[in-house]
Amino acid sequence: MAEELARKKKVRGGHKASATRMMSRADELMASEGAPDVSKLNQLGMSLKEKLQEIKVFDSEILALVKDDELED
């Protein structure tokens, strides 16, 4: 159970890092001179929504595993 918890935390961390990079790209696009590329911003927005859903799933799975571990101890 502990191995599964560690693996899920690691995978969640990867998704979170990816989402952070996407947010940085969106910030760069917004800060660039001239009009921002709306299509790229829309694409990043959709990708971020998908990442958020994936992170929420991992959060739920991790929470369930943590509760199970606490019950065993």
Protein backbone atom coordinates (compact mmCIF):
# COMPACT_ATOMS: atom_id res chain seq x y z
CA MET A 1 0.00 0.00 0.00
CA ALA A 2 2.83 2.41 0.82
CA GLU A 3 4.45 1.79 -2.57
CA GLU A 4 1.20 2.58 -4.34
CA LEU A 5 0.81 5.77 -2.33
CA ALA A 6 4.36 6.88 -3.17
CA ARG A 7 3.82 6.11 -6.86
CA LYS A 8 0.57 8.08 -7.01
CA LYS A 9 2.21 11.04 -5.25
CA LYS A 10 5.06 10.95 -7.75
CA VAL A 11 2.71 10.80 -10.75
CA ARG A 12 0.57 13.61 -9.29
CA GLY A 13 3.72 15.68 -8.87
CA GLY A 14 4.54 15.18 -12.54
CA HIS A 15 1.09 16.35 -13.57
CA LYS A 16 1.34 19.35 -11.27
CA ALA A 17 4.74 20.29 -12.71
CA SER A 18 3.32 20.04 -16.21
CA ALA A 19 0.40 22.29 -15.26
CA THR A 20 2.82 24.81 -13.76
CA ARG A 21 4.79 24.90 -17.03
CA MET A 22 1.57 25.45 -18.97
CA MET A 23 0.60 28.34 -16.69
CA SER A 24 4.04 29.87 -17.20
CA ARG A 25 3.60 29.63 -20.97
CA ALA A 26 0.20 31.31 -20.71
CA ASP A 27 1.72 34.09 -18.58
CA GLU A 28 4.47 34.59 -21.18
CA LEU A 29 1.91 34.80 -23.98
CA MET A 30 -0.10 37.37 -22.06
CA ALA A 31 3.00 39.43 -21.26
CA SER A 32 4.35 39.43 -24.81
CA GLU A 33 4.16 42.61 -26.82
CA GLY A 34 1.23 42.95 -29.16
CA ALA A 35 -1.95 40.96 -29.10
CA PRO A 36 -1.64 37.55 -27.46
CA ASP A 37 -2.20 34.46 -29.60
CA VAL A 38 -5.77 33.65 -28.62
CA SER A 39 -5.76 30.18 -30.16
CA LYS A 40 -2.68 29.17 -28.15
CA LEU A 41 -4.22 30.60 -24.98
CA ASN A 42 -7.44 28.66 -25.62
CA GLN A 43 -5.45 25.49 -26.20
CA LEU A 44 -3.48 26.01 -22.99
CA GLY A 45 -6.71 26.70 -21.11
CA MET A 46 -8.26 23.45 -22.29
CA SER A 47 -5.09 21.52 -21.46
CA LEU A 48 -5.00 23.07 -18.00
CA LYS A 49 -8.62 22.06 -17.38
CA GLU A 50 -7.75 18.47 -18.31
CA LYS A 51 -4.68 18.52 -16.05
CA LEU A 52 -6.76 19.86 -13.18
CA GLN A 53 -9.20 16.97 -13.57
CA GLU A 54 -6.31 14.47 -13.59
CA ILE A 55 -4.79 16.06 -10.49
CA LYS A 56 -8.17 15.94 -8.72
CA VAL A 57 -8.46 12.22 -9.48
CA PHE A 58 -5.00 11.59 -8.03
CA ASP A 59 -5.87 13.72 -4.99
CA SER A 60 -8.92 11.54 -4.33
CA GLU A 61 -6.95 8.32 -4.81
CA ILE A 62 -4.15 9.53 -2.54
CA LEU A 63 -6.64 10.62 0.11
CA ALA A 64 -8.30 7.21 0.03
CA LEU A 65 -4.94 5.48 0.40
CA VAL A 66 -3.91 7.74 3.26
CA LYS A 67 -7.17 7.04 5.08
CA ASP A 68 -6.65 3.30 4.55
CA ASP A 69 -3.08 3.53 5.91
CA GLU A 70 -4.29 5.45 8.96
CA LEU A 71 -6.91 2.80 9.66
CA GLU A 72 -4.28 0.05 9.52
CA ASP A 73 -1.99 1.83 12.00
